[in-house]
Amino acid sequence: MSHSGHFPTSIATSWRAWANTSSRTLRLLSLLQTHRHWPGGELADRLGVSARTLRRDVDRLRELGYPVEASRGVDGGYQLTAGAALPPLVLDDEEAVALAIGLRAAAQGAVTGIEESSIRAFTKVVQVMPARLRRRVDALRVVTVPSVEGGGETVEAGVLTAVAQACRDEERLRFSYTARGGERSARHVEPHGLVSLKYRWYLVAYDLTRQDWRSFRLDRLDDPRGTGERFRPRELPADDASAFVRAGSGGVPVPHTVEALVHAPAAAVRARVGPWATVEEVDEQRCRVRMTSQTPDWPTQALGNVGAEFEVLGPPEFVDFVREWAARFTRATRS
């Protein structure tokens, strides 16, 4: 370092060149992740570099473990292909939050069999997140009441996180709402919590205009904005937010998880029932099958379609349901 306390000119120049190259390499990786194939000339133009510099940047990505394929000719270009190992990913803010939320849902059992690996992945993602993104993920974790159905209705990420933060911070919220009949109204509420139920997101809140508790579907909610006004939470007239939404929707049916021992090889049963069931091998000629459905009809049909003997292991109500089906079929053949 020079006596003046600054980098020498040669070192500063080298540092800027390295920083520019690293930034451009990340930009190249981001572009490659958004398209299956980039023509070489178009990719160089987007980065503002020559074809030769582009080739050097591609080589740098390959050294880091990213499998970038190059093709020659009139349609020549570059594409990022699947590699033998998973290199680091470049995610924008919304993608990072979505990834963390999805991993947390999987860790809670939304998809059976991957809970442990989802917890590990979720921990790694959150650890490297900037503080501002961790706050958004944490807001959803704190105020969301899980439900056995899971979520799935299309809701803008900005709406979801804005409402979640208002719930967490106990801040009054204003938004526009479209009722079932199409009527629009302005709402001023004290948000209590979010519920993911029967493929939809709901906000449970105390409506300050109507002086009563309400549930709002988030896909019908527009432009949520905090008012800066804090409030003391009121007592919810239900065991929790999920119970409140269920009561208001006339009782959403709870999925049935059934289990049976099938006297057939696991591979043959998987081919019959498809990806909607979990099949575990017991021995070469038997397997255990688990299925979840809103009604017991589909699991009964699926087990019948396997074409093998099976024993119903539970639950007791499913045993009774299969007995009823068996009696109906028996009566149908008596004539």
Protein backbone atom coordinates (compact mmCIF):
# COMPACT_ATOMS: atom_id res chain seq x y z
CA MET A 1 0.00 0.00 0.00
CA SER A 2 1.30 3.49 -0.80
CA HIS A 3 2.19 6.07 1.86
CA SER A 4 -1.04 7.96 1.10
CA GLY A 5 -3.12 5.02 2.32
CA HIS A 6 -4.60 4.25 -1.13
CA PHE A 7 -4.13 1.32 -3.48
CA PRO A 8 -1.45 1.89 -6.11
CA THR A 9 -2.90 2.68 -9.52
CA SER A 10 -1.98 -0.73 -10.97
CA ILE A 11 -3.69 -2.60 -8.09
CA ALA A 12 -6.82 -0.42 -8.25
CA THR A 13 -7.05 -0.96 -12.01
CA SER A 14 -6.69 -4.72 -11.57
CA TRP A 15 -9.35 -4.71 -8.84
CA ARG A 16 -11.85 -2.85 -11.03
CA ALA A 17 -11.16 -5.20 -13.93
CA TRP A 18 -11.74 -8.23 -11.68
CA ALA A 19 -14.94 -6.76 -10.25
CA ASN A 20 -16.28 -5.96 -13.72
CA THR A 21 -15.46 -9.45 -14.95
CA SER A 22 -17.12 -11.11 -11.93
CA SER A 23 -20.23 -8.97 -12.31
CA ARG A 24 -20.41 -9.76 -16.02
CA THR A 25 -19.97 -13.48 -15.33
CA LEU A 26 -22.91 -13.44 -12.92
CA ARG A 27 -24.95 -11.54 -15.50
CA LEU A 28 -24.05 -14.17 -18.12
CA LEU A 29 -25.09 -16.97 -15.78
CA SER A 30 -28.38 -15.24 -15.05
CA LEU A 31 -29.12 -14.90 -18.76
CA LEU A 32 -28.24 -18.54 -19.46
CA GLN A 33 -30.65 -19.63 -16.73
CA THR A 34 -33.58 -17.80 -18.36
CA HIS A 35 -33.36 -19.32 -21.87
CA ARG A 36 -32.66 -22.79 -23.11
CA HIS A 37 -30.53 -21.47 -26.00
CA TRP A 38 -28.90 -18.08 -26.61
CA PRO A 39 -27.50 -17.15 -30.05
CA GLY A 40 -23.88 -16.09 -29.55
CA GLY A 41 -24.26 -12.67 -31.16
CA GLU A 42 -27.38 -11.79 -29.17
CA LEU A 43 -25.78 -12.88 -25.90
CA ALA A 44 -22.65 -10.81 -26.58
CA ASP A 45 -24.80 -7.77 -27.38
CA ARG A 46 -26.75 -8.15 -24.14
CA LEU A 47 -23.49 -8.20 -22.18
CA GLY A 48 -21.85 -5.47 -24.26
CA VAL A 49 -18.76 -7.55 -25.04
CA SER A 50 -17.04 -9.04 -28.06
CA ALA A 51 -17.48 -12.66 -29.15
CA ARG A 52 -13.96 -13.40 -27.91
CA THR A 53 -14.68 -11.99 -24.43
CA LEU A 54 -17.92 -13.95 -24.33
CA ARG A 55 -16.01 -17.18 -25.01
CA ARG A 56 -13.62 -16.39 -22.14
CA ASP A 57 -16.55 -15.74 -19.79
CA VAL A 58 -18.17 -19.02 -20.82
CA ASP A 59 -14.90 -20.84 -20.10
CA ARG A 60 -14.84 -19.20 -16.67
CA LEU A 61 -18.32 -20.54 -15.92
CA ARG A 62 -17.23 -24.02 -16.98
CA GLU A 63 -14.29 -23.82 -14.58
CA LEU A 64 -16.77 -23.04 -11.79
CA GLY A 65 -18.73 -26.20 -12.60
CA TYR A 66 -21.51 -24.89 -14.84
CA PRO A 67 -22.07 -27.17 -17.87
CA VAL A 68 -22.35 -24.67 -20.73
CA GLU A 69 -22.65 -26.20 -24.19
CA ALA A 70 -21.59 -24.33 -27.33
CA SER A 71 -22.88 -24.97 -30.85
CA ARG A 72 -21.31 -23.72 -34.07
CA GLY A 73 -22.79 -22.66 -37.39
CA VAL A 74 -25.47 -20.19 -38.44
CA ASP A 75 -27.60 -20.99 -35.39
CA GLY A 76 -24.60 -21.27 -33.10
CA GLY A 77 -24.85 -20.19 -29.51
CA TYR A 78 -24.74 -21.30 -25.89
CA GLN A 79 -27.02 -23.10 -23.48
CA LEU A 80 -26.83 -24.23 -19.86
CA THR A 81 -27.46 -27.97 -19.53
CA ALA A 82 -27.95 -30.29 -16.58
CA GLY A 83 -24.65 -31.29 -14.99
CA ALA A 84 -23.47 -34.18 -12.86
CA ALA A 85 -23.46 -31.95 -9.76
CA LEU A 86 -25.56 -28.96 -8.76
CA PRO A 87 -23.52 -25.73 -9.00
CA PRO A 88 -24.58 -22.53 -7.24
CA LEU A 89 -27.72 -20.86 -8.59
CA VAL A 90 -28.29 -17.18 -9.29
CA LEU A 91 -31.69 -16.10 -7.96
CA ASP A 92 -33.40 -12.74 -7.85
CA ASP A 93 -35.21 -11.58 -4.69
CA GLU A 94 -38.64 -12.97 -5.62
CA GLU A 95 -37.17 -16.32 -6.68
CA ALA A 96 -35.21 -16.64 -3.43
CA VAL A 97 -38.28 -15.93 -1.28
CA ALA A 98 -40.40 -18.35 -3.33
CA LEU A 99 -37.74 -21.06 -3.01
CA ALA A 100 -37.53 -20.64 0.77
CA ILE A 101 -41.32 -20.73 1.18
CA GLY A 102 -41.61 -23.84 -0.97
CA LEU A 103 -38.85 -25.63 0.93
CA ARG A 104 -40.47 -24.77 4.26
CA ALA A 105 -43.80 -26.17 3.08
CA ALA A 106 -42.12 -29.38 1.95
CA ALA A 107 -40.30 -29.63 5.28
CA GLN A 108 -43.66 -29.54 7.05
CA GLY A 109 -44.83 -32.60 5.16
CA ALA A 110 -46.51 -31.08 2.13
CA VAL A 111 -44.69 -33.74 0.11
CA THR A 112 -44.00 -37.01 1.90
CA GLY A 113 -40.51 -38.48 1.91
CA ILE A 114 -38.47 -35.29 1.48
CA GLU A 115 -39.02 -33.56 4.82
CA GLU A 116 -35.47 -34.03 6.15
CA SER A 117 -33.70 -32.94 2.96
CA SER A 118 -36.09 -29.97 2.67
CA ILE A 119 -35.16 -28.81 6.16
CA ARG A 120 -31.45 -28.95 5.29
CA ALA A 121 -31.99 -27.06 2.03
CA PHE A 122 -34.24 -24.47 3.69
CA THR A 123 -31.59 -23.82 6.36
CA LYS A 124 -28.87 -23.31 3.73
CA VAL A 125 -31.01 -20.91 1.66
CA VAL A 126 -32.04 -18.77 4.63
CA GLN A 127 -28.47 -18.59 5.97
CA VAL A 128 -27.20 -16.86 2.83
CA MET A 129 -30.20 -14.57 2.36
CA PRO A 130 -29.85 -10.83 2.91
CA ALA A 131 -31.61 -9.59 6.04
CA ARG A 132 -34.40 -7.91 4.06
CA LEU A 133 -35.36 -11.24 2.42
CA ARG A 134 -35.10 -13.19 5.67
CA ARG A 135 -37.63 -10.78 7.20
CA ARG A 136 -40.09 -11.51 4.39
CA VAL A 137 -39.73 -15.28 4.76
CA ASP A 138 -39.96 -15.03 8.54
CA ALA A 139 -43.13 -12.94 8.30
CA LEU A 140 -44.84 -15.72 6.35
CA ARG A 141 -43.59 -18.36 8.80
CA VAL A 142 -44.90 -16.51 11.85
CA VAL A 143 -48.40 -15.63 10.66
CA THR A 144 -49.36 -18.56 8.41
CA VAL A 145 -51.57 -21.30 9.87
CA PRO A 146 -50.86 -24.57 8.03
CA SER A 147 -53.75 -26.74 6.89
CA VAL A 148 -53.82 -30.31 5.66
CA GLU A 149 -54.96 -29.26 2.21
CA GLY A 150 -52.08 -26.94 1.36
CA GLY A 151 -52.22 -23.88 -0.86
CA GLY A 152 -52.31 -23.40 -4.60
CA GLU A 153 -54.55 -20.48 -5.67
CA THR A 154 -52.73 -17.90 -7.80
CA VAL A 155 -51.72 -14.98 -5.55
CA GLU A 156 -49.14 -12.31 -6.32
CA ALA A 157 -46.02 -12.72 -4.18
CA GLY A 158 -46.09 -9.01 -3.30
CA VAL A 159 -49.65 -9.29 -1.98
CA LEU A 160 -48.82 -12.35 0.09
CA THR A 161 -45.71 -10.90 1.72
CA ALA A 162 -47.28 -7.47 2.32
CA VAL A 163 -50.25 -9.00 4.13
CA ALA A 164 -48.00 -11.37 6.08
CA GLN A 165 -45.81 -8.52 7.30
CA ALA A 166 -48.86 -6.54 8.42
CA CYS A 167 -50.07 -9.57 10.39
CA ARG A 168 -46.69 -10.05 12.01
CA ASP A 169 -46.20 -6.37 12.85
CA GLU A 170 -49.80 -5.94 14.12
CA GLU A 171 -50.30 -3.06 11.71
CA ARG A 172 -53.69 -2.02 10.36
CA LEU A 173 -54.15 -2.67 6.68
CA ARG A 174 -56.12 -1.12 3.82
CA PHE A 175 -56.90 -2.86 0.53
CA SER A 176 -59.48 -3.22 -2.24
CA TYR A 177 -61.60 -6.36 -2.23
CA THR A 178 -63.82 -8.01 -4.83
CA ALA A 179 -66.66 -10.05 -3.36
CA ARG A 180 -68.02 -13.27 -4.87
CA GLY A 181 -70.71 -11.37 -6.78
CA GLY A 182 -68.21 -8.93 -8.29
CA GLU A 183 -68.87 -5.99 -5.95
CA ARG A 184 -65.71 -4.01 -5.08
CA SER A 185 -65.17 -2.30 -1.76
CA ALA A 186 -62.43 -0.59 0.23
CA ARG A 187 -61.49 -2.41 3.43
CA HIS A 188 -59.77 -1.24 6.62
CA VAL A 189 -58.85 -4.17 8.86
CA GLU A 190 -56.76 -5.45 11.73
CA PRO A 191 -55.04 -8.50 10.19
CA HIS A 192 -54.87 -11.59 12.39
CA GLY A 193 -53.27 -14.32 10.27
CA LEU A 194 -53.00 -16.16 6.96
CA VAL A 195 -54.49 -19.57 6.23
CA SER A 196 -53.65 -21.92 3.37
CA LEU A 197 -56.79 -24.00 2.89
CA LYS A 198 -58.26 -26.06 0.03
CA TYR A 199 -55.89 -24.65 -2.59
CA ARG A 200 -56.50 -21.03 -1.58
CA TRP A 201 -54.93 -18.38 0.65
CA TYR A 202 -57.15 -16.53 3.15
CA LEU A 203 -56.60 -13.54 5.40
CA VAL A 204 -58.45 -13.61 8.72
CA ALA A 205 -58.95 -10.07 10.03
CA TYR A 206 -61.21 -7.85 12.11
CA ASP A 207 -63.10 -5.52 9.74
CA LEU A 208 -63.11 -2.05 11.35
CA THR A 209 -65.95 -0.77 9.15
CA ARG A 210 -68.30 -3.70 9.78
CA GLN A 211 -67.10 -4.19 13.35
CA ASP A 212 -66.86 -7.95 12.91
CA TRP A 213 -64.45 -10.74 11.99
CA ARG A 214 -64.08 -11.64 8.33
CA SER A 215 -62.01 -13.92 6.09
CA PHE A 216 -60.75 -12.61 2.74
CA ARG A 217 -59.49 -14.63 -0.22
CA LEU A 218 -56.11 -13.24 -1.21
CA ASP A 219 -56.69 -13.78 -4.93
CA ARG A 220 -59.56 -11.25 -4.66
CA LEU A 221 -57.50 -8.73 -2.69
CA ASP A 222 -55.71 -5.82 -4.41
CA ASP A 223 -53.18 -3.17 -3.40
CA PRO A 224 -52.63 -4.04 0.29
CA ARG A 225 -50.86 -1.23 2.14
CA GLY A 226 -49.98 -0.75 5.76
CA THR A 227 -51.32 2.36 7.49
CA GLY A 228 -48.59 2.66 10.11
CA GLU A 229 -51.24 2.26 12.85
CA ARG A 230 -50.50 -0.44 15.41
CA PHE A 231 -53.26 -2.31 17.24
CA ARG A 232 -53.72 -4.67 20.16
CA PRO A 233 -54.87 -8.08 18.87
CA ARG A 234 -58.48 -9.00 19.62
CA GLU A 235 -59.63 -12.45 20.69
CA LEU A 236 -60.55 -14.56 17.69
CA PRO A 237 -63.95 -16.31 18.02
CA ALA A 238 -62.46 -19.69 17.03
CA ASP A 239 -59.71 -22.08 18.10
CA ASP A 240 -57.42 -20.65 15.41
CA ALA A 241 -57.54 -18.89 12.05
CA SER A 242 -57.87 -22.16 10.13
CA ALA A 243 -60.95 -23.16 12.17
CA PHE A 244 -62.47 -19.72 11.54
CA VAL A 245 -62.06 -20.05 7.75
CA ARG A 246 -63.47 -23.59 7.80
CA ALA A 247 -66.55 -22.46 9.69
CA GLY A 248 -67.13 -19.64 7.23
CA SER A 249 -66.73 -21.88 4.16
CA GLY A 250 -69.32 -24.39 5.32
CA GLY A 251 -66.74 -26.97 6.36
CA VAL A 252 -64.05 -27.91 3.88
CA PRO A 253 -63.72 -31.72 3.53
CA VAL A 254 -60.65 -33.17 5.19
CA PRO A 255 -58.54 -35.47 3.00
CA HIS A 256 -58.55 -39.20 3.76
CA THR A 257 -55.22 -40.98 4.05
CA VAL A 258 -55.69 -44.70 3.57
CA GLU A 259 -53.30 -47.62 3.80
CA ALA A 260 -53.46 -51.12 2.36
CA LEU A 261 -51.25 -54.20 2.03
CA VAL A 262 -51.28 -55.35 -1.60
CA HIS A 263 -50.26 -58.90 -2.53
CA ALA A 264 -48.28 -57.96 -5.63
CA PRO A 265 -44.73 -56.74 -6.41
CA ALA A 266 -44.14 -53.05 -5.69
CA ALA A 267 -43.05 -52.28 -9.27
CA ALA A 268 -46.26 -53.71 -10.72
CA VAL A 269 -48.41 -51.76 -8.25
CA ARG A 270 -46.59 -48.48 -8.98
CA ALA A 271 -47.28 -48.96 -12.66
CA ARG A 272 -50.99 -49.31 -11.89
CA VAL A 273 -51.57 -46.53 -9.36
CA GLY A 274 -49.18 -43.96 -10.87
CA PRO A 275 -47.53 -41.11 -8.94
CA TRP A 276 -50.57 -40.37 -6.74
CA ALA A 277 -49.73 -43.07 -4.18
CA THR A 278 -46.76 -44.03 -2.04
CA VAL A 279 -45.73 -47.65 -2.60
CA GLU A 280 -43.26 -49.31 -0.17
CA GLU A 281 -41.92 -52.81 -0.78
CA VAL A 282 -42.56 -55.30 2.06
CA ASP A 283 -41.08 -58.31 0.27
CA GLU A 284 -40.85 -59.55 -3.31
CA GLN A 285 -44.59 -60.30 -3.51
CA ARG A 286 -46.14 -57.69 -1.20
CA CYS A 287 -46.10 -53.92 -0.78
CA ARG A 288 -47.68 -51.26 1.40
CA VAL A 289 -49.71 -48.57 -0.40
CA ARG A 290 -50.72 -45.16 1.02
CA MET A 291 -53.06 -42.74 -0.74
CA THR A 292 -54.56 -39.36 0.19
CA SER A 293 -57.80 -38.08 -1.32
CA GLN A 294 -60.65 -35.70 -0.48
CA THR A 295 -63.04 -38.68 -0.63
CA PRO A 296 -62.46 -42.44 -0.20
CA ASP A 297 -63.88 -43.20 -3.67
CA TRP A 298 -60.65 -42.74 -5.61
CA PRO A 299 -58.45 -44.95 -3.33
CA THR A 300 -61.10 -47.68 -3.53
CA GLN A 301 -61.12 -47.54 -7.32
CA ALA A 302 -57.31 -47.49 -7.47
CA LEU A 303 -56.98 -50.57 -5.26
CA GLY A 304 -59.59 -52.37 -7.33
CA ASN A 305 -57.70 -51.54 -10.52
CA VAL A 306 -54.46 -53.09 -9.24
CA GLY A 307 -55.87 -56.54 -10.03
CA ALA A 308 -54.47 -58.25 -6.93
CA GLU A 309 -55.60 -59.28 -3.47
CA PHE A 310 -55.22 -56.58 -0.82
CA GLU A 311 -55.93 -55.96 2.86
CA VAL A 312 -57.15 -52.60 4.14
CA LEU A 313 -54.98 -51.52 7.08
CA GLY A 314 -56.79 -48.29 7.94
CA PRO A 315 -58.34 -46.04 8.88
CA PRO A 316 -61.43 -47.82 10.32
CA GLU A 317 -63.85 -45.63 8.34
CA PHE A 318 -62.16 -46.71 5.11
CA VAL A 319 -62.62 -50.36 6.10
CA ASP A 320 -66.36 -49.68 6.46
CA PHE A 321 -66.43 -47.83 3.14
CA VAL A 322 -64.84 -50.76 1.26
CA ARG A 323 -67.29 -53.15 2.94
CA GLU A 324 -70.19 -51.05 1.63
CA TRP A 325 -68.73 -51.13 -1.89
CA ALA A 326 -68.23 -54.90 -1.66
CA ALA A 327 -71.83 -55.46 -0.54
CA ARG A 328 -73.15 -53.27 -3.38
CA PHE A 329 -71.15 -55.20 -5.98
CA THR A 330 -72.26 -58.51 -4.50
CA ARG A 331 -75.93 -57.48 -4.71
CA ALA A 332 -75.37 -56.39 -8.32
CA THR A 333 -74.34 -59.95 -9.34
CA ARG A 334 -77.08 -61.93 -7.58
CA SER A 335 -79.50 -61.80 -10.51
